[in-house]
């Protein structure tokens, strides 16, 4: 039985136009995201077969593949909810205060997250995350779907910088695509994730 399933979008494929066309959103969700879900389930089956036959020669590759697909599934699932046809503007309340406290100002934070997203080498993501050990907000770069992130950090706002997310519309001008994402951000969703993340227990690093 499949462990992972493709979530429905909370809006129609055309709902984010003109920032993201319906064609791109449909391909992104129904093809690319669906492929990560299928890949994760298939890899779990392959791992189960390896255990059954006690054959672990391909374990390293399977572990990397599983991490790739699960991370892709998780990040995309957050990405859809981070966006909204009614999005944009700026956060308020505790999230706004935390952003100002940890980055100096909203503008400074936005500049850093935009730069992180635009400058990801190859494919990847720019991420605003909660780091529970220091109990602070951080901006991270994700290469492909995982890596270069703090252990235990919780993603709150993710910007997809894979070419399949924008190339049909923005060609190779990634900065223009990233600039338009800010008009779609659902700060209510980010605030909800922020509130949940702060209840996360920090990892134990001392004996």
C-alpha atoms as a PDB file:
ATOM      1  CA  UNK A   1       0.000   0.000   0.000  1.00  0.00           C
ATOM      2  CA  UNK A   2       1.429   3.432  -0.915  1.00  0.00           C
ATOM      3  CA  UNK A   3       2.705   5.441   2.045  1.00  0.00           C
ATOM      4  CA  UNK A   4       2.737   8.827   0.323  1.00  0.00           C
ATOM      5  CA  UNK A   5       0.023  10.444  -1.788  1.00  0.00           C
ATOM      6  CA  UNK A   6      -0.232  13.586  -3.911  1.00  0.00           C
ATOM      7  CA  UNK A   7      -2.167  16.315  -2.077  1.00  0.00           C
ATOM      8  CA  UNK A   8      -4.851  18.305  -3.851  1.00  0.00           C
ATOM      9  CA  UNK A   9      -4.096  21.962  -4.466  1.00  0.00           C
ATOM     10  CA  UNK A  10      -6.119  24.424  -2.360  1.00  0.00           C
ATOM     11  CA  UNK A  11      -6.956  26.390  -5.553  1.00  0.00           C
ATOM     12  CA  UNK A  12      -7.471  25.831  -9.278  1.00  0.00           C
ATOM     13  CA  UNK A  13      -4.495  25.549 -11.616  1.00  0.00           C
ATOM     14  CA  UNK A  14      -5.266  28.953 -13.124  1.00  0.00           C
ATOM     15  CA  UNK A  15      -5.759  30.677  -9.769  1.00  0.00           C
ATOM     16  CA  UNK A  16      -2.216  32.043  -9.498  1.00  0.00           C
ATOM     17  CA  UNK A  17      -2.173  33.731 -12.892  1.00  0.00           C
ATOM     18  CA  UNK A  18      -0.604  35.923 -14.134  1.00  0.00           C
ATOM     19  CA  UNK A  19       2.313  35.275 -11.770  1.00  0.00           C
ATOM     20  CA  UNK A  20       2.262  31.536 -12.509  1.00  0.00           C
ATOM     21  CA  UNK A  21       0.371  30.227 -15.523  1.00  0.00           C
ATOM     22  CA  UNK A  22      -2.128  27.413 -15.247  1.00  0.00           C
ATOM     23  CA  UNK A  23      -0.054  25.331 -17.663  1.00  0.00           C
ATOM     24  CA  UNK A  24       3.035  25.545 -15.453  1.00  0.00           C
ATOM     25  CA  UNK A  25       1.097  24.861 -12.271  1.00  0.00           C
ATOM     26  CA  UNK A  26      -0.619  21.806 -13.723  1.00  0.00           C
ATOM     27  CA  UNK A  27       2.649  20.342 -15.001  1.00  0.00           C
ATOM     28  CA  UNK A  28       4.412  21.189 -11.749  1.00  0.00           C
ATOM     29  CA  UNK A  29       1.780  19.580  -9.530  1.00  0.00           C
ATOM     30  CA  UNK A  30       0.366  16.722 -11.616  1.00  0.00           C
ATOM     31  CA  UNK A  31       3.650  15.638 -13.200  1.00  0.00           C
ATOM     32  CA  UNK A  32       6.693  16.739 -11.190  1.00  0.00           C
ATOM     33  CA  UNK A  33       5.279  16.559  -7.669  1.00  0.00           C
ATOM     34  CA  UNK A  34       3.460  13.336  -8.538  1.00  0.00           C
ATOM     35  CA  UNK A  35       6.769  11.853  -9.688  1.00  0.00           C
ATOM     36  CA  UNK A  36       8.342  12.472  -6.273  1.00  0.00           C
ATOM     37  CA  UNK A  37       5.416  10.742  -4.573  1.00  0.00           C
ATOM     38  CA  UNK A  38       5.722   7.757  -6.905  1.00  0.00           C
ATOM     39  CA  UNK A  39       9.487   7.720  -6.465  1.00  0.00           C
ATOM     40  CA  UNK A  40       9.251   7.665  -2.673  1.00  0.00           C
ATOM     41  CA  UNK A  41       6.749   4.793  -2.676  1.00  0.00           C
ATOM     42  CA  UNK A  42       8.751   2.826  -5.235  1.00  0.00           C
ATOM     43  CA  UNK A  43      11.955   3.256  -3.251  1.00  0.00           C
ATOM     44  CA  UNK A  44      10.246   2.025  -0.086  1.00  0.00           C
ATOM     45  CA  UNK A  45       9.239  -1.102  -1.976  1.00  0.00           C
ATOM     46  CA  UNK A  46      12.811  -1.587  -3.147  1.00  0.00           C
ATOM     47  CA  UNK A  47      14.105  -1.207   0.404  1.00  0.00           C
ATOM     48  CA  UNK A  48      11.580  -3.766   1.628  1.00  0.00           C
ATOM     49  CA  UNK A  49      12.794  -6.171  -1.044  1.00  0.00           C
ATOM     50  CA  UNK A  50      16.403  -5.597  -0.017  1.00  0.00           C
ATOM     51  CA  UNK A  51      15.509  -6.446   3.592  1.00  0.00           C
ATOM     52  CA  UNK A  52      13.575  -9.534   2.528  1.00  0.00           C
ATOM     53  CA  UNK A  53      16.545 -10.916   0.618  1.00  0.00           C
ATOM     54  CA  UNK A  54      19.194  -9.480   2.961  1.00  0.00           C
ATOM     55  CA  UNK A  55      20.856  -7.813   0.000  1.00  0.00           C
ATOM     56  CA  UNK A  56      22.160  -4.339   0.800  1.00  0.00           C
ATOM     57  CA  UNK A  57      24.617  -3.727  -2.015  1.00  0.00           C
ATOM     58  CA  UNK A  58      22.457  -0.889  -3.380  1.00  0.00           C
ATOM     59  CA  UNK A  59      21.542   0.587  -0.011  1.00  0.00           C
ATOM     60  CA  UNK A  60      23.509   3.830  -0.350  1.00  0.00           C
ATOM     61  CA  UNK A  61      21.801   4.703  -3.614  1.00  0.00           C
ATOM     62  CA  UNK A  62      18.375   3.764  -2.282  1.00  0.00           C
ATOM     63  CA  UNK A  63      18.811   5.894   0.845  1.00  0.00           C
ATOM     64  CA  UNK A  64      19.794   8.921  -1.252  1.00  0.00           C
ATOM     65  CA  UNK A  65      16.893   8.325  -3.615  1.00  0.00           C
ATOM     66  CA  UNK A  66      14.424   8.028  -0.746  1.00  0.00           C
ATOM     67  CA  UNK A  67      15.676  11.273   0.819  1.00  0.00           C
ATOM     68  CA  UNK A  68      15.452  13.030  -2.549  1.00  0.00           C
ATOM     69  CA  UNK A  69      11.875  11.995  -3.230  1.00  0.00           C
ATOM     70  CA  UNK A  70      10.516  12.466   0.294  1.00  0.00           C
ATOM     71  CA  UNK A  71      12.140  15.889   0.552  1.00  0.00           C
ATOM     72  CA  UNK A  72      10.712  16.848  -2.835  1.00  0.00           C
ATOM     73  CA  UNK A  73       7.272  15.732  -1.698  1.00  0.00           C
ATOM     74  CA  UNK A  74       7.486  17.645   1.581  1.00  0.00           C
ATOM     75  CA  UNK A  75       8.808  20.863   0.044  1.00  0.00           C
ATOM     76  CA  UNK A  76       6.218  20.896  -2.729  1.00  0.00           C
ATOM     77  CA  UNK A  77       3.413  20.190  -0.271  1.00  0.00           C
ATOM     78  CA  UNK A  78       4.507  23.242   1.734  1.00  0.00           C
ATOM     79  CA  UNK A  79       5.016  25.330  -1.411  1.00  0.00           C
ATOM     80  CA  UNK A  80       1.401  24.911  -2.577  1.00  0.00           C
ATOM     81  CA  UNK A  81       0.079  26.006   0.815  1.00  0.00           C
ATOM     82  CA  UNK A  82       2.549  28.896   1.049  1.00  0.00           C
ATOM     83  CA  UNK A  83       0.959  30.397  -2.060  1.00  0.00           C
ATOM     84  CA  UNK A  84      -2.490  31.929  -2.425  1.00  0.00           C
ATOM     85  CA  UNK A  85      -4.417  33.957  -5.016  1.00  0.00           C
ATOM     86  CA  UNK A  86      -5.054  36.396  -2.152  1.00  0.00           C
ATOM     87  CA  UNK A  87      -1.413  36.415  -1.043  1.00  0.00           C
ATOM     88  CA  UNK A  88       1.159  39.167  -0.934  1.00  0.00           C
ATOM     89  CA  UNK A  89       1.723  42.208   1.266  1.00  0.00           C
ATOM     90  CA  UNK A  90       3.644  41.562   4.515  1.00  0.00           C
ATOM     91  CA  UNK A  91       3.173  39.508   7.683  1.00  0.00           C
ATOM     92  CA  UNK A  92       1.997  41.017  10.936  1.00  0.00           C
ATOM     93  CA  UNK A  93       1.909  40.010  14.582  1.00  0.00           C
ATOM     94  CA  UNK A  94       4.480  37.674  16.109  1.00  0.00           C
ATOM     95  CA  UNK A  95       5.889  36.558  12.765  1.00  0.00           C
ATOM     96  CA  UNK A  96       6.555  40.146  11.714  1.00  0.00           C
ATOM     97  CA  UNK A  97       8.237  40.836  15.052  1.00  0.00           C
ATOM     98  CA  UNK A  98      10.394  37.716  14.756  1.00  0.00           C
ATOM     99  CA  UNK A  99      11.462  38.578  11.211  1.00  0.00           C
ATOM    100  CA  UNK A 100      12.470  42.081  12.286  1.00  0.00           C
ATOM    101  CA  UNK A 101      14.237  40.726  15.353  1.00  0.00           C
ATOM    102  CA  UNK A 102      16.215  38.047  13.535  1.00  0.00           C
ATOM    103  CA  UNK A 103      16.934  39.822  10.233  1.00  0.00           C
ATOM    104  CA  UNK A 104      16.838  43.500  11.172  1.00  0.00           C
ATOM    105  CA  UNK A 105      13.806  44.321   9.008  1.00  0.00           C
ATOM    106  CA  UNK A 106      11.348  42.700   6.642  1.00  0.00           C
ATOM    107  CA  UNK A 107      13.136  44.257   3.670  1.00  0.00           C
ATOM    108  CA  UNK A 108      16.453  42.764   4.778  1.00  0.00           C
ATOM    109  CA  UNK A 109      14.839  39.357   5.202  1.00  0.00           C
ATOM    110  CA  UNK A 110      13.131  39.534   1.804  1.00  0.00           C
ATOM    111  CA  UNK A 111      16.386  40.534   0.128  1.00  0.00           C
ATOM    112  CA  UNK A 112      18.219  37.597   1.724  1.00  0.00           C
ATOM    113  CA  UNK A 113      15.548  35.007   0.849  1.00  0.00           C
ATOM    114  CA  UNK A 114      15.319  36.331  -2.717  1.00  0.00           C
ATOM    115  CA  UNK A 115      19.100  36.198  -3.092  1.00  0.00           C
ATOM    116  CA  UNK A 116      19.224  32.688  -1.632  1.00  0.00           C
ATOM    117  CA  UNK A 117      16.573  31.504  -4.100  1.00  0.00           C
ATOM    118  CA  UNK A 118      18.064  33.211  -7.140  1.00  0.00           C
ATOM    119  CA  UNK A 119      21.628  32.090  -6.422  1.00  0.00           C
ATOM    120  CA  UNK A 120      20.985  28.384  -5.770  1.00  0.00           C
ATOM    121  CA  UNK A 121      23.428  26.598  -8.045  1.00  0.00           C
ATOM    122  CA  UNK A 122      21.519  24.400 -10.463  1.00  0.00           C
ATOM    123  CA  UNK A 123      18.195  23.312  -8.995  1.00  0.00           C
ATOM    124  CA  UNK A 124      17.006  23.974  -5.482  1.00  0.00           C
ATOM    125  CA  UNK A 125      15.028  26.127  -3.089  1.00  0.00           C
ATOM    126  CA  UNK A 126      15.254  29.212  -0.913  1.00  0.00           C
ATOM    127  CA  UNK A 127      13.779  28.545   2.513  1.00  0.00           C
ATOM    128  CA  UNK A 128      12.758  30.509   5.596  1.00  0.00           C
ATOM    129  CA  UNK A 129      13.078  28.048   8.476  1.00  0.00           C
ATOM    130  CA  UNK A 130      12.786  27.896  12.249  1.00  0.00           C
ATOM    131  CA  UNK A 131      15.972  26.632  13.894  1.00  0.00           C
ATOM    132  CA  UNK A 132      14.870  25.158  17.257  1.00  0.00           C
ATOM    133  CA  UNK A 133      18.266  24.940  18.972  1.00  0.00           C
ATOM    134  CA  UNK A 134      18.921  28.674  18.677  1.00  0.00           C
ATOM    135  CA  UNK A 135      15.171  29.389  18.612  1.00  0.00           C
ATOM    136  CA  UNK A 136      15.537  31.734  15.704  1.00  0.00           C
ATOM    137  CA  UNK A 137      14.528  32.211  12.098  1.00  0.00           C
ATOM    138  CA  UNK A 138      17.135  31.435   9.432  1.00  0.00           C
ATOM    139  CA  UNK A 139      17.302  31.508   5.641  1.00  0.00           C
ATOM    140  CA  UNK A 140      18.645  28.351   4.041  1.00  0.00           C
ATOM    141  CA  UNK A 141      19.514  27.148   0.546  1.00  0.00           C
ATOM    142  CA  UNK A 142      18.343  23.687  -0.410  1.00  0.00           C
ATOM    143  CA  UNK A 143      20.224  21.997  -3.249  1.00  0.00           C
ATOM    144  CA  UNK A 144      17.953  19.764  -5.315  1.00  0.00           C
ATOM    145  CA  UNK A 145      15.581  18.806  -2.498  1.00  0.00           C
ATOM    146  CA  UNK A 146      17.844  18.393   0.518  1.00  0.00           C
ATOM    147  CA  UNK A 147      21.221  19.321   1.943  1.00  0.00           C
ATOM    148  CA  UNK A 148      22.776  22.538   3.290  1.00  0.00           C
ATOM    149  CA  UNK A 149      20.098  22.891   5.972  1.00  0.00           C
ATOM    150  CA  UNK A 150      20.353  22.905   9.743  1.00  0.00           C
ATOM    151  CA  UNK A 151      19.597  19.594  11.445  1.00  0.00           C
ATOM    152  CA  UNK A 152      16.120  19.834  12.916  1.00  0.00           C
ATOM    153  CA  UNK A 153      15.235  23.104  11.190  1.00  0.00           C
ATOM    154  CA  UNK A 154      11.572  23.438  10.202  1.00  0.00           C
ATOM    155  CA  UNK A 155      10.704  24.985   6.809  1.00  0.00           C
ATOM    156  CA  UNK A 156       8.089  27.738   7.015  1.00  0.00           C
ATOM    157  CA  UNK A 157       8.228  29.457   3.629  1.00  0.00           C
ATOM    158  CA  UNK A 158       9.767  27.787   0.574  1.00  0.00           C
ATOM    159  CA  UNK A 159      10.509  29.229  -2.857  1.00  0.00           C
ATOM    160  CA  UNK A 160      10.979  26.649  -5.604  1.00  0.00           C
ATOM    161  CA  UNK A 161      13.930  27.481  -7.877  1.00  0.00           C
ATOM    162  CA  UNK A 162      13.825  24.378 -10.068  1.00  0.00           C
ATOM    163  CA  UNK A 163      13.492  25.303 -13.726  1.00  0.00           C
ATOM    164  CA  UNK A 164      10.250  23.337 -14.065  1.00  0.00           C
ATOM    165  CA  UNK A 165       8.669  25.868 -11.691  1.00  0.00           C
ATOM    166  CA  UNK A 166       9.189  28.852 -13.980  1.00  0.00           C
ATOM    167  CA  UNK A 167      11.092  28.249 -17.216  1.00  0.00           C
ATOM    168  CA  UNK A 168       8.107  27.985 -19.577  1.00  0.00           C
ATOM    169  CA  UNK A 169       7.043  31.471 -18.480  1.00  0.00           C
ATOM    170  CA  UNK A 170      10.145  33.315 -17.299  1.00  0.00           C
ATOM    171  CA  UNK A 171      12.775  31.499 -19.396  1.00  0.00           C
ATOM    172  CA  UNK A 172      16.176  31.919 -17.768  1.00  0.00           C
ATOM    173  CA  UNK A 173      15.280  35.071 -15.801  1.00  0.00           C
ATOM    174  CA  UNK A 174      14.900  33.496 -12.386  1.00  0.00           C
ATOM    175  CA  UNK A 175      14.953  36.863 -10.514  1.00  0.00           C
ATOM    176  CA  UNK A 176      11.720  37.962 -12.242  1.00  0.00           C
ATOM    177  CA  UNK A 177       9.990  34.750 -11.172  1.00  0.00           C
ATOM    178  CA  UNK A 178      11.179  35.107  -7.575  1.00  0.00           C
ATOM    179  CA  UNK A 179       9.983  38.717  -7.460  1.00  0.00           C
ATOM    180  CA  UNK A 180       6.496  37.593  -8.489  1.00  0.00           C
ATOM    181  CA  UNK A 181       6.374  34.897  -5.801  1.00  0.00           C
ATOM    182  CA  UNK A 182       6.247  37.596  -3.129  1.00  0.00           C
ATOM    183  CA  UNK A 183       2.867  38.671  -4.546  1.00  0.00           C
ATOM    184  CA  UNK A 184       1.488  35.198  -3.813  1.00  0.00           C
ATOM    185  CA  UNK A 185       2.787  34.465  -0.306  1.00  0.00           C
ATOM    186  CA  UNK A 186       0.078  33.379   2.123  1.00  0.00           C
ATOM    187  CA  UNK A 187       1.396  34.917   5.322  1.00  0.00           C
ATOM    188  CA  UNK A 188      -1.442  33.285   7.251  1.00  0.00           C
ATOM    189  CA  UNK A 189      -0.031  29.892   6.278  1.00  0.00           C
ATOM    190  CA  UNK A 190       3.529  30.925   7.157  1.00  0.00           C
ATOM    191  CA  UNK A 191       2.322  32.292  10.509  1.00  0.00           C
ATOM    192  CA  UNK A 192       0.537  29.004  11.224  1.00  0.00           C
ATOM    193  CA  UNK A 193       3.708  27.038  10.490  1.00  0.00           C
ATOM    194  CA  UNK A 194       5.729  29.466  12.614  1.00  0.00           C
ATOM    195  CA  UNK A 195       3.405  28.962  15.585  1.00  0.00           C
ATOM    196  CA  UNK A 196       3.624  25.182  15.219  1.00  0.00           C
ATOM    197  CA  UNK A 197       7.388  25.159  14.754  1.00  0.00           C
ATOM    198  CA  UNK A 198       8.018  27.035  17.981  1.00  0.00           C
ATOM    199  CA  UNK A 199       6.513  24.128  19.895  1.00  0.00           C
ATOM    200  CA  UNK A 200       9.223  21.857  18.452  1.00  0.00           C
ATOM    201  CA  UNK A 201      11.684  20.606  21.057  1.00  0.00           C
ATOM    202  CA  UNK A 202      15.271  21.504  20.260  1.00  0.00           C
ATOM    203  CA  UNK A 203      17.598  18.573  19.562  1.00  0.00           C
ATOM    204  CA  UNK A 204      19.740  17.481  22.492  1.00  0.00           C
ATOM    205  CA  UNK A 205      23.393  18.241  21.769  1.00  0.00           C
ATOM    206  CA  UNK A 206      24.880  17.677  25.196  1.00  0.00           C
ATOM    207  CA  UNK A 207      24.951  14.604  27.330  1.00  0.00           C
END
